[in-house]
Amino acid sequence: MLVLVFGGAALAGGYYFLTALRTSKRVVSVAHPASGRGTASNTPAVAERINPRRIESTSRRAQESPISPPAGATAVPQSPDTSTPLTRELIERLAHVDVSHGPITPEQVKQWKQDLRELTTQGPAAVGAIRGFLAQNQDLNFAEIEGGSSVGYSSLRAGLFDVLKQIGGPEATEIFLQTLHTTADPVEIAMLARTLDEQAPGQYRQQALEAVRETLEQISTRQLAVKEVGPLFQMLQQYGEAQAVTELERTIPQWHYYAMMALAGMPSGEGIPVLVRQVENPEASPSRNFALQMLAQVSAQSPEAAAALLEQARLNRVPIGAWNQIAAGLAGDQYQLEKPQIDSTTGGAAFLGLKGYHIEAGNQNFYSLPLLAERESDEVKQRLAVIDQLLAVSQNSIALQALQNARGQLTADKARP
């Protein structure tokens, strides 16, 4: 059984109010009113076909200089319009789903999927039609439509990007790059970056990192009204590069849960030095306590993280309130940015104890899973070793109690059949 818990007193925080400005450089989408694009309510019938859930961007960075390919990449010239009446008609049908009388119906879903498949079979002609639609900066958001999850895509644009991926070719790559250069949708940025990395590993990573940096910068300065930035932090965690580490450290003041989980989760421990600097800085509260928890969580894999914990304990610099968090990092709930995907072979059994958290400051949403008995025995032994070392140098009863509880939890899990 999956357990989903939102928030918690220990994770409470302030609010951030972000508004979209027309001067922003990246494209961010806002709800498109049913009455039309800023026109009076008595719009023509054709305008009324625009569903309230369709969205139009408030700005167009695409009007700036063209994209330059990275070093070593082949420059792709602007392609002529290859669309046909059929592909344009298919796009039109995909973009207009009538849900004015209730949820999207199974028949509508079936027709939508059929139209998308037919669009895919059109090859280069479909690419031209998709380019034309994307240039309008509009979308149909299925996440906001009742029954929309049955479509299989979160939005029309997501479906069209999948079509481009299946068709492939230089023009599709060009569209991916152009969109990466302009979009401010974190989900879209992550999707495009992943697709480009699959096509040419590492070749377009600089553009992806720049898209993340610029988008987060504009959100932090209230130029963009983007709510959920979690996918951008997932990208930075996966990249594990020096530039990603620098960007994560810069974002700690505004998104310290996201940033520190990403730093702790980098593939080769690249983010650990930043977490160590946080715990060594007494002015870093409240992020300091969470940094200690993240170091504890990865201490079995990172000698540097374990050493930093021991040093803080030996110097008696661990805040009293942080010991329970350290114990949780060593033996309790393990935090992660992404919601784990259910494995059909286990039927979701591995996700007993799954929790979700929402932090209003920065609109941060993340998850935790208990440290299960299925963990490798070597990892459990290493965690026990870290606990024993901390017990040997800790100097207060609260620390000793928290660590003993963590030790008991690990040994009980280890002994459980």
Protein backbone atom coordinates (compact mmCIF):
# COMPACT_ATOMS: atom_id res chain seq x y z
CA MET A 1 0.00 0.00 0.00
CA LEU A 2 1.39 3.36 -0.97
CA VAL A 3 1.34 6.08 1.66
CA LEU A 4 1.41 9.65 0.50
CA VAL A 5 1.94 12.31 3.16
CA PHE A 6 2.21 15.99 2.33
CA GLY A 7 4.30 18.39 4.33
CA GLY A 8 5.35 18.16 7.95
CA ALA A 9 6.01 20.64 10.69
CA ALA A 10 9.73 20.08 10.49
CA LEU A 11 9.72 21.03 6.82
CA ALA A 12 7.61 24.17 7.00
CA GLY A 13 8.83 27.25 5.18
CA GLY A 14 7.93 30.59 3.71
CA TYR A 15 6.20 31.48 0.47
CA TYR A 16 7.52 32.62 -2.89
CA PHE A 17 5.19 34.51 -5.21
CA LEU A 18 6.33 34.50 -8.82
CA THR A 19 4.71 36.39 -11.69
CA ALA A 20 5.24 36.16 -15.42
CA LEU A 21 6.62 39.24 -17.16
CA ARG A 22 6.49 39.89 -20.87
CA THR A 23 10.11 40.98 -20.75
CA SER A 24 11.35 37.54 -19.72
CA LYS A 25 13.70 35.87 -22.17
CA ARG A 26 12.37 32.35 -21.92
CA VAL A 27 8.96 31.20 -23.04
CA VAL A 28 6.60 30.45 -20.18
CA SER A 29 3.01 29.48 -20.73
CA VAL A 30 -0.08 30.77 -18.97
CA ALA A 31 -3.70 29.65 -19.08
CA HIS A 32 -5.39 30.74 -22.28
CA PRO A 33 -8.88 32.14 -21.50
CA ALA A 34 -11.84 30.60 -23.29
CA SER A 35 -12.89 33.96 -24.64
CA GLY A 36 -9.83 34.14 -26.88
CA ARG A 37 -6.45 35.84 -26.94
CA GLY A 38 -7.25 38.89 -24.92
CA THR A 39 -10.29 39.76 -27.03
CA ALA A 40 -13.75 40.68 -25.81
CA SER A 41 -16.03 37.91 -24.61
CA ASN A 42 -18.19 38.04 -27.76
CA THR A 43 -15.48 36.42 -29.88
CA PRO A 44 -16.28 34.67 -33.18
CA ALA A 45 -17.23 31.01 -33.08
CA VAL A 46 -13.83 29.95 -34.41
CA ALA A 47 -12.14 31.51 -31.36
CA GLU A 48 -14.51 29.71 -29.05
CA ARG A 49 -13.05 26.41 -30.31
CA ILE A 50 -9.94 27.22 -28.32
CA ASN A 51 -10.23 25.12 -25.19
CA PRO A 52 -9.68 26.96 -21.89
CA ARG A 53 -6.87 24.53 -21.18
CA ARG A 54 -4.89 25.54 -24.21
CA ILE A 55 -2.07 27.89 -23.36
CA GLU A 56 -0.14 30.62 -25.13
CA SER A 57 3.24 31.98 -24.16
CA THR A 58 3.72 35.46 -22.76
CA SER A 59 7.07 36.03 -24.47
CA ARG A 60 9.17 34.80 -27.38
CA ARG A 61 12.88 34.47 -26.91
CA ALA A 62 12.98 32.80 -30.30
CA GLN A 63 13.10 36.26 -31.83
CA GLU A 64 16.71 36.60 -30.63
CA SER A 65 19.81 35.33 -32.37
CA PRO A 66 19.72 31.85 -33.91
CA ILE A 67 21.16 28.86 -32.11
CA SER A 68 24.78 27.93 -32.66
CA PRO A 69 25.53 24.22 -32.55
CA PRO A 70 28.18 23.01 -30.08
CA ALA A 71 31.74 22.38 -31.15
CA GLY A 72 31.90 19.21 -33.20
CA ALA A 73 28.21 19.25 -34.07
CA THR A 74 27.02 19.56 -37.63
CA ALA A 75 25.21 22.81 -38.33
CA VAL A 76 21.69 22.21 -39.62
CA PRO A 77 20.34 24.80 -42.07
CA GLN A 78 16.80 26.06 -41.66
CA SER A 79 14.59 23.63 -43.55
CA PRO A 80 11.81 24.68 -45.91
CA ASP A 81 8.23 24.03 -44.87
CA THR A 82 7.57 20.36 -45.61
CA SER A 83 4.07 20.23 -44.15
CA THR A 84 1.11 19.09 -46.22
CA PRO A 85 -2.63 19.76 -45.94
CA LEU A 86 -3.03 16.35 -44.29
CA THR A 87 -0.36 16.90 -41.63
CA ARG A 88 -1.70 20.36 -40.86
CA GLU A 89 -5.20 18.92 -40.53
CA LEU A 90 -3.92 16.20 -38.19
CA ILE A 91 -2.24 18.82 -36.00
CA GLU A 92 -5.46 20.84 -35.98
CA ARG A 93 -7.45 17.82 -34.82
CA LEU A 94 -4.90 16.94 -32.16
CA ALA A 95 -4.98 20.50 -30.83
CA HIS A 96 -8.76 20.75 -30.54
CA VAL A 97 -10.30 18.28 -28.14
CA ASP A 98 -13.81 19.27 -27.10
CA VAL A 99 -14.27 18.69 -23.37
CA SER A 100 -16.87 21.41 -22.91
CA HIS A 101 -19.51 18.82 -22.02
CA GLY A 102 -17.50 16.79 -19.53
CA PRO A 103 -14.39 14.58 -19.24
CA ILE A 104 -12.52 13.40 -22.29
CA THR A 105 -14.22 10.25 -23.56
CA PRO A 106 -12.65 6.90 -24.50
CA GLU A 107 -13.72 7.53 -28.08
CA GLN A 108 -11.90 10.89 -28.11
CA VAL A 109 -8.79 9.29 -26.63
CA LYS A 110 -8.86 6.54 -29.27
CA GLN A 111 -9.23 9.07 -32.08
CA TRP A 112 -6.47 11.28 -30.67
CA LYS A 113 -4.03 8.39 -30.48
CA GLN A 114 -4.97 7.30 -34.00
CA ASP A 115 -4.33 10.81 -35.33
CA LEU A 116 -0.95 10.90 -33.59
CA ARG A 117 0.04 7.55 -35.09
CA GLU A 118 -1.03 8.71 -38.53
CA LEU A 119 1.01 11.89 -38.08
CA THR A 120 4.06 9.77 -37.28
CA THR A 121 3.68 7.82 -40.52
CA GLN A 122 3.91 11.06 -42.54
CA GLY A 123 7.65 11.41 -41.86
CA PRO A 124 9.25 14.72 -42.95
CA ALA A 125 5.85 16.21 -43.78
CA ALA A 126 4.87 15.72 -40.14
CA VAL A 127 8.08 17.42 -38.98
CA GLY A 128 7.19 20.55 -40.92
CA ALA A 129 3.67 20.66 -39.47
CA ILE A 130 4.97 20.12 -35.95
CA ARG A 131 7.50 22.92 -36.40
CA GLY A 132 4.68 25.25 -37.40
CA PHE A 133 2.57 24.35 -34.37
CA LEU A 134 5.44 24.65 -31.89
CA ALA A 135 6.25 28.10 -33.26
CA GLN A 136 2.84 29.26 -31.99
CA ASN A 137 3.87 28.46 -28.39
CA GLN A 138 0.55 26.79 -27.67
CA ASP A 139 -0.26 23.57 -25.90
CA LEU A 140 -3.10 21.33 -24.78
CA ASN A 141 -2.46 20.27 -21.19
CA PHE A 142 -3.95 16.84 -20.58
CA ALA A 143 -2.90 16.94 -16.93
CA GLU A 144 -5.62 19.54 -16.38
CA ILE A 145 -8.34 17.64 -18.27
CA GLU A 146 -10.45 15.09 -16.43
CA GLY A 147 -9.57 11.71 -17.86
CA GLY A 148 -6.57 13.18 -19.66
CA SER A 149 -4.13 10.66 -18.20
CA SER A 150 -5.58 8.01 -20.53
CA VAL A 151 -4.07 9.86 -23.50
CA GLY A 152 -0.59 8.69 -22.49
CA TYR A 153 1.07 12.11 -22.67
CA SER A 154 1.00 15.02 -20.24
CA SER A 155 0.40 17.45 -23.09
CA LEU A 156 0.06 17.76 -26.85
CA ARG A 157 3.60 19.12 -27.11
CA ALA A 158 4.94 16.06 -25.28
CA GLY A 159 3.19 13.85 -27.82
CA LEU A 160 4.58 15.86 -30.73
CA PHE A 161 8.11 15.66 -29.34
CA ASP A 162 7.70 11.88 -29.19
CA VAL A 163 6.61 11.89 -32.84
CA LEU A 164 9.73 13.89 -33.75
CA LYS A 165 11.89 11.45 -31.80
CA GLN A 166 10.41 8.50 -33.69
CA ILE A 167 10.84 10.18 -37.09
CA GLY A 168 14.36 11.43 -36.31
CA GLY A 169 16.67 13.23 -38.69
CA PRO A 170 18.51 16.58 -38.71
CA GLU A 171 15.36 18.70 -38.86
CA ALA A 172 13.91 17.01 -35.78
CA THR A 173 17.18 17.66 -33.93
CA GLU A 174 17.06 21.28 -35.04
CA ILE A 175 13.55 21.63 -33.59
CA PHE A 176 14.64 20.05 -30.31
CA LEU A 177 17.49 22.55 -30.03
CA GLN A 178 15.37 25.54 -30.93
CA THR A 179 12.74 24.59 -28.38
CA LEU A 180 15.38 23.95 -25.72
CA HIS A 181 16.65 27.46 -26.40
CA THR A 182 13.24 29.06 -25.78
CA THR A 183 11.09 26.98 -23.46
CA ALA A 184 10.80 27.65 -19.73
CA ASP A 185 8.82 24.50 -18.97
CA PRO A 186 11.04 22.36 -16.68
CA VAL A 187 9.39 19.12 -17.82
CA GLU A 188 9.95 20.10 -21.44
CA ILE A 189 13.57 21.12 -20.84
CA ALA A 190 14.29 17.77 -19.17
CA MET A 191 12.52 15.84 -21.95
CA LEU A 192 14.39 17.65 -24.72
CA ALA A 193 17.75 17.35 -22.97
CA ARG A 194 17.25 13.63 -22.45
CA THR A 195 16.26 13.11 -26.09
CA LEU A 196 19.26 15.06 -27.39
CA ASP A 197 21.60 13.17 -25.06
CA GLU A 198 20.24 9.86 -26.35
CA GLN A 199 20.85 10.96 -29.93
CA ALA A 200 24.34 12.37 -29.34
CA PRO A 201 25.65 11.64 -25.82
CA GLY A 202 27.23 14.73 -24.28
CA GLN A 203 27.15 16.78 -27.47
CA TYR A 204 24.34 19.14 -26.46
CA ARG A 205 24.81 19.06 -22.71
CA GLN A 206 26.13 22.61 -22.58
CA GLN A 207 22.94 23.92 -24.16
CA ALA A 208 20.87 21.91 -21.69
CA LEU A 209 22.80 23.26 -18.71
CA GLU A 210 22.42 26.79 -20.02
CA ALA A 211 18.67 26.26 -20.37
CA VAL A 212 18.49 25.09 -16.75
CA ARG A 213 20.65 27.95 -15.47
CA GLU A 214 18.75 30.64 -17.32
CA THR A 215 15.34 29.30 -16.37
CA LEU A 216 16.19 29.00 -12.67
CA GLU A 217 17.73 32.46 -12.70
CA GLN A 218 14.61 34.02 -14.20
CA ILE A 219 12.35 32.19 -11.76
CA SER A 220 14.45 33.28 -8.79
CA THR A 221 14.26 36.91 -9.95
CA ARG A 222 10.49 36.60 -10.49
CA GLN A 223 10.59 36.98 -14.24
CA LEU A 224 8.85 33.64 -14.78
CA ALA A 225 5.80 32.12 -13.10
CA VAL A 226 6.92 28.50 -13.30
CA LYS A 227 5.67 26.43 -10.38
CA GLU A 228 7.43 23.07 -10.47
CA VAL A 229 11.18 23.11 -11.07
CA GLY A 230 11.96 19.61 -9.79
CA PRO A 231 12.82 18.18 -13.24
CA LEU A 232 15.61 20.76 -13.58
CA PHE A 233 17.22 19.59 -10.35
CA GLN A 234 16.88 15.98 -11.47
CA MET A 235 18.80 16.92 -14.62
CA LEU A 236 21.57 18.62 -12.64
CA GLN A 237 21.86 15.60 -10.36
CA GLN A 238 22.14 13.18 -13.28
CA TYR A 239 24.74 15.27 -15.11
CA GLY A 240 27.16 15.36 -12.17
CA GLU A 241 29.42 17.93 -13.82
CA ALA A 242 31.29 20.89 -12.34
CA GLN A 243 28.89 23.37 -13.91
CA ALA A 244 25.93 21.45 -12.47
CA VAL A 245 27.52 21.50 -9.01
CA THR A 246 28.06 25.25 -9.25
CA GLU A 247 24.45 25.82 -10.28
CA LEU A 248 23.12 23.65 -7.46
CA GLU A 249 25.20 25.51 -4.88
CA ARG A 250 23.86 28.80 -6.22
CA THR A 251 20.26 27.65 -5.79
CA ILE A 252 20.55 26.50 -2.16
CA PRO A 253 19.08 29.72 -0.66
CA GLN A 254 15.83 29.34 -2.61
CA TRP A 255 15.49 25.57 -3.12
CA HIS A 256 17.68 24.02 -0.46
CA TYR A 257 15.81 20.69 -0.28
CA TYR A 258 15.97 20.20 -4.03
CA ALA A 259 19.56 21.41 -4.27
CA MET A 260 20.93 19.31 -1.42
CA MET A 261 19.18 16.12 -2.50
CA ALA A 262 20.59 16.62 -5.99
CA LEU A 263 24.09 17.31 -4.62
CA ALA A 264 23.94 14.18 -2.46
CA GLY A 265 22.63 12.05 -5.32
CA MET A 266 25.21 12.92 -7.97
CA PRO A 267 26.57 9.74 -9.55
CA SER A 268 30.19 10.00 -8.39
CA GLY A 269 29.90 12.15 -5.27
CA GLU A 270 30.66 15.41 -7.08
CA GLY A 271 28.29 17.36 -4.81
CA ILE A 272 29.64 16.18 -1.45
CA PRO A 273 32.18 19.04 -1.02
CA VAL A 274 29.34 21.57 -1.26
CA LEU A 275 27.39 19.75 1.45
CA VAL A 276 30.51 19.66 3.62
CA ARG A 277 30.90 23.42 3.24
CA GLN A 278 27.28 23.84 4.30
CA VAL A 279 27.71 21.87 7.53
CA GLU A 280 30.92 23.71 8.34
CA ASN A 281 29.09 27.03 8.06
CA PRO A 282 27.12 27.83 11.26
CA GLU A 283 25.29 30.60 9.38
CA ALA A 284 23.76 28.12 6.92
CA SER A 285 20.77 27.21 9.12
CA PRO A 286 18.20 25.79 8.34
CA SER A 287 19.93 24.26 5.35
CA ARG A 288 22.80 23.09 7.57
CA ASN A 289 20.69 20.47 9.36
CA PHE A 290 19.39 19.05 6.10
CA ALA A 291 22.93 18.99 4.72
CA LEU A 292 23.94 16.87 7.72
CA GLN A 293 21.06 14.50 6.98
CA MET A 294 22.08 14.19 3.33
CA LEU A 295 25.69 13.46 4.31
CA ALA A 296 24.41 10.76 6.67
CA GLN A 297 22.25 9.30 3.91
CA VAL A 298 25.21 8.83 1.55
CA SER A 299 27.89 8.13 4.18
CA ALA A 300 27.95 4.41 3.36
CA GLN A 301 29.05 5.19 -0.20
CA SER A 302 31.10 8.34 0.47
CA PRO A 303 34.08 8.30 2.85
CA GLU A 304 34.19 12.09 2.49
CA ALA A 305 30.62 12.40 3.76
CA ALA A 306 31.28 10.05 6.68
CA ALA A 307 34.45 11.94 7.62
CA ALA A 308 32.61 15.27 7.62
CA LEU A 309 29.94 13.89 9.97
CA LEU A 310 32.56 12.50 12.34
CA GLU A 311 34.48 15.77 12.37
CA GLN A 312 31.38 17.80 13.25
CA ALA A 313 30.47 15.33 16.00
CA ARG A 314 34.01 15.27 17.41
CA LEU A 315 34.05 19.08 17.58
CA ASN A 316 30.57 19.05 19.17
CA ARG A 317 29.27 21.29 16.39
CA VAL A 318 26.19 19.27 15.48
CA PRO A 319 23.03 21.17 16.50
CA ILE A 320 20.94 19.24 19.03
CA GLY A 321 17.98 19.30 16.69
CA ALA A 322 19.98 17.73 13.86
CA TRP A 323 20.70 14.40 15.53
CA ASN A 324 17.34 12.86 14.75
CA GLN A 325 17.79 13.94 11.13
CA ILE A 326 21.24 12.33 11.03
CA ALA A 327 19.77 9.14 12.49
CA ALA A 328 17.06 9.17 9.83
CA GLY A 329 19.68 9.59 7.13
CA LEU A 330 21.59 6.61 8.47
CA ALA A 331 18.73 4.21 9.12
CA GLY A 332 15.36 5.77 8.33
CA ASP A 333 13.57 7.36 5.41
CA GLN A 334 15.83 8.03 2.44
CA TYR A 335 14.97 11.17 0.47
CA GLN A 336 14.92 11.38 -3.32
CA LEU A 337 13.80 13.85 -5.96
CA GLU A 338 11.89 11.50 -8.23
CA LYS A 339 8.84 9.45 -7.41
CA PRO A 340 9.89 5.82 -7.88
CA GLN A 341 8.30 4.02 -10.79
CA ILE A 342 6.22 0.98 -9.91
CA ASP A 343 7.87 -2.25 -11.04
CA SER A 344 5.26 -4.59 -12.48
CA THR A 345 7.30 -7.59 -11.29
CA THR A 346 6.89 -6.54 -7.64
CA GLY A 347 3.40 -5.10 -7.92
CA GLY A 348 4.58 -2.03 -6.05
CA ALA A 349 5.45 -4.04 -2.93
CA ALA A 350 8.87 -2.40 -2.77
CA PHE A 351 7.21 0.97 -2.21
CA LEU A 352 5.65 0.27 1.17
CA GLY A 353 6.29 3.36 3.27
CA LEU A 354 6.57 5.73 0.32
CA LYS A 355 5.94 9.32 1.44
CA GLY A 356 5.59 12.54 -0.48
CA TYR A 357 6.50 15.99 0.81
CA HIS A 358 5.49 19.45 -0.29
CA ILE A 359 7.47 22.51 0.80
CA GLU A 360 5.68 25.76 0.06
CA ALA A 361 8.94 27.71 -0.03
CA GLY A 362 10.02 27.28 -3.64
CA ASN A 363 7.19 24.78 -4.25
CA GLN A 364 9.49 21.81 -3.61
CA ASN A 365 8.01 18.31 -3.95
CA PHE A 366 9.98 15.18 -3.19
CA TYR A 367 9.71 11.65 -1.80
CA SER A 368 11.16 9.25 0.72
CA LEU A 369 11.34 5.49 1.12
CA PRO A 370 12.37 3.55 4.22
CA LEU A 371 15.78 1.92 4.27
CA LEU A 372 14.61 -1.63 3.60
CA ALA A 373 16.07 -4.95 4.68
CA GLU A 374 16.74 -5.72 1.02
CA ARG A 375 19.68 -3.33 1.07
CA GLU A 376 22.99 -4.98 0.34
CA SER A 377 24.54 -6.36 3.52
CA ASP A 378 27.80 -4.51 2.84
CA GLU A 379 25.95 -1.20 2.81
CA VAL A 380 24.20 -2.01 6.10
CA LYS A 381 27.56 -2.94 7.63
CA GLN A 382 29.03 0.36 6.47
CA ARG A 383 26.12 2.31 7.94
CA LEU A 384 26.55 0.48 11.24
CA ALA A 385 30.26 1.32 11.18
CA VAL A 386 29.48 5.02 10.72
CA ILE A 387 27.01 4.89 13.61
CA ASP A 388 29.58 3.20 15.87
CA GLN A 389 32.18 5.83 15.01
CA LEU A 390 29.69 8.60 15.79
CA LEU A 391 28.76 6.94 19.08
CA ALA A 392 32.44 6.92 20.04
CA VAL A 393 32.86 10.68 19.64
CA SER A 394 29.41 12.11 20.44
CA GLN A 395 29.12 14.04 23.68
CA ASN A 396 25.44 14.45 24.54
CA SER A 397 22.57 12.20 25.53
CA ILE A 398 20.29 13.23 22.66
CA ALA A 399 22.94 12.26 20.12
CA LEU A 400 23.59 8.94 21.84
CA GLN A 401 19.89 8.10 22.00
CA ALA A 402 19.28 8.96 18.34
CA LEU A 403 22.28 6.93 17.21
CA GLN A 404 21.36 3.93 19.37
CA ASN A 405 17.86 4.02 17.90
CA ALA A 406 19.32 4.08 14.39
CA ARG A 407 21.60 1.18 15.22
CA GLY A 408 18.71 -0.83 16.62
CA GLN A 409 16.65 -0.14 13.53
CA LEU A 410 19.41 -1.34 11.20
CA THR A 411 20.16 -4.49 13.17
CA ALA A 412 16.46 -5.33 13.42
CA ASP A 413 16.03 -4.91 9.66
CA LYS A 414 19.14 -7.00 9.05
CA ALA A 415 17.84 -9.84 11.24
CA ARG A 416 14.35 -9.79 9.74
CA PRO A 417 13.79 -12.79 7.40
